[in-house]
Amino acid sequence: MVSLRHILYAPNQLTLLRLVFIAPVILLILYGHFRSAFILVLIAGLTDGLDGLLARKLGQQTTLGGYLDPIADKLLLTSSFVALGVSRQIPLWLVILVLSRDVIILATVPVMILTTPLRSFPPSLYGKANTAAQIGTVLLTLLSLAHPTEALRRLALSGVYCTAAFTVLSGLHYAVTTAARLRNQ
């Protein structure tokens, strides 16, 4: 059971702040306020690092935080991708690719939990690299829109292709390792 005391822990408050940022980030992107959207996404990224550090240092690691933290991260990142795609700031094919990978993984996990003894699905190095590429792409795209220069535009474009590559690579890695785990059951 979730204790009200756990919700009030600083690390969980920072995670909840990231959830609160989702709607403003979407609106800021859709209305072309890219500098403000960049600042909020950057703050969200900093709070993501800070909440984990605080949880460990203060001994405030909770089950609630363990669930909320990745949910907040994924919702903010996915919302940013969708808003940037809808506003035609990143290619729609990339948004579809990123969302498809996530939907496939989210659909297979409950099936595996219900039909196999597998219960843990630890993130791989490829998945972490994919997340880093996605964060970099969102931040570089917003920065290049806020301060349009050729160098930033090229960096943002390289982020798009880097994200595409890591999305495919991490998705394939997930499929191969999951298949191997299932064979060993």
Foldseek 3Di string as FASTA:
>chain_A
DDDPVLCPPPLNVLLVVLVVCQVVLLVCLLVLVLVVNLVSLVSNVVSLVVSVVCCVVVVSDDPVCVVSSVVSLVSNLLSLLVSCCVSVLAPPVLNCLLVVLVVVVVVVQVVCVVPHVDDDDDQDPLNVQLSVLSSQLSNLSSVCSVPPDPVSVVSNVVSSVSNNVSSVVRSVVSVVVVVVVVVVD
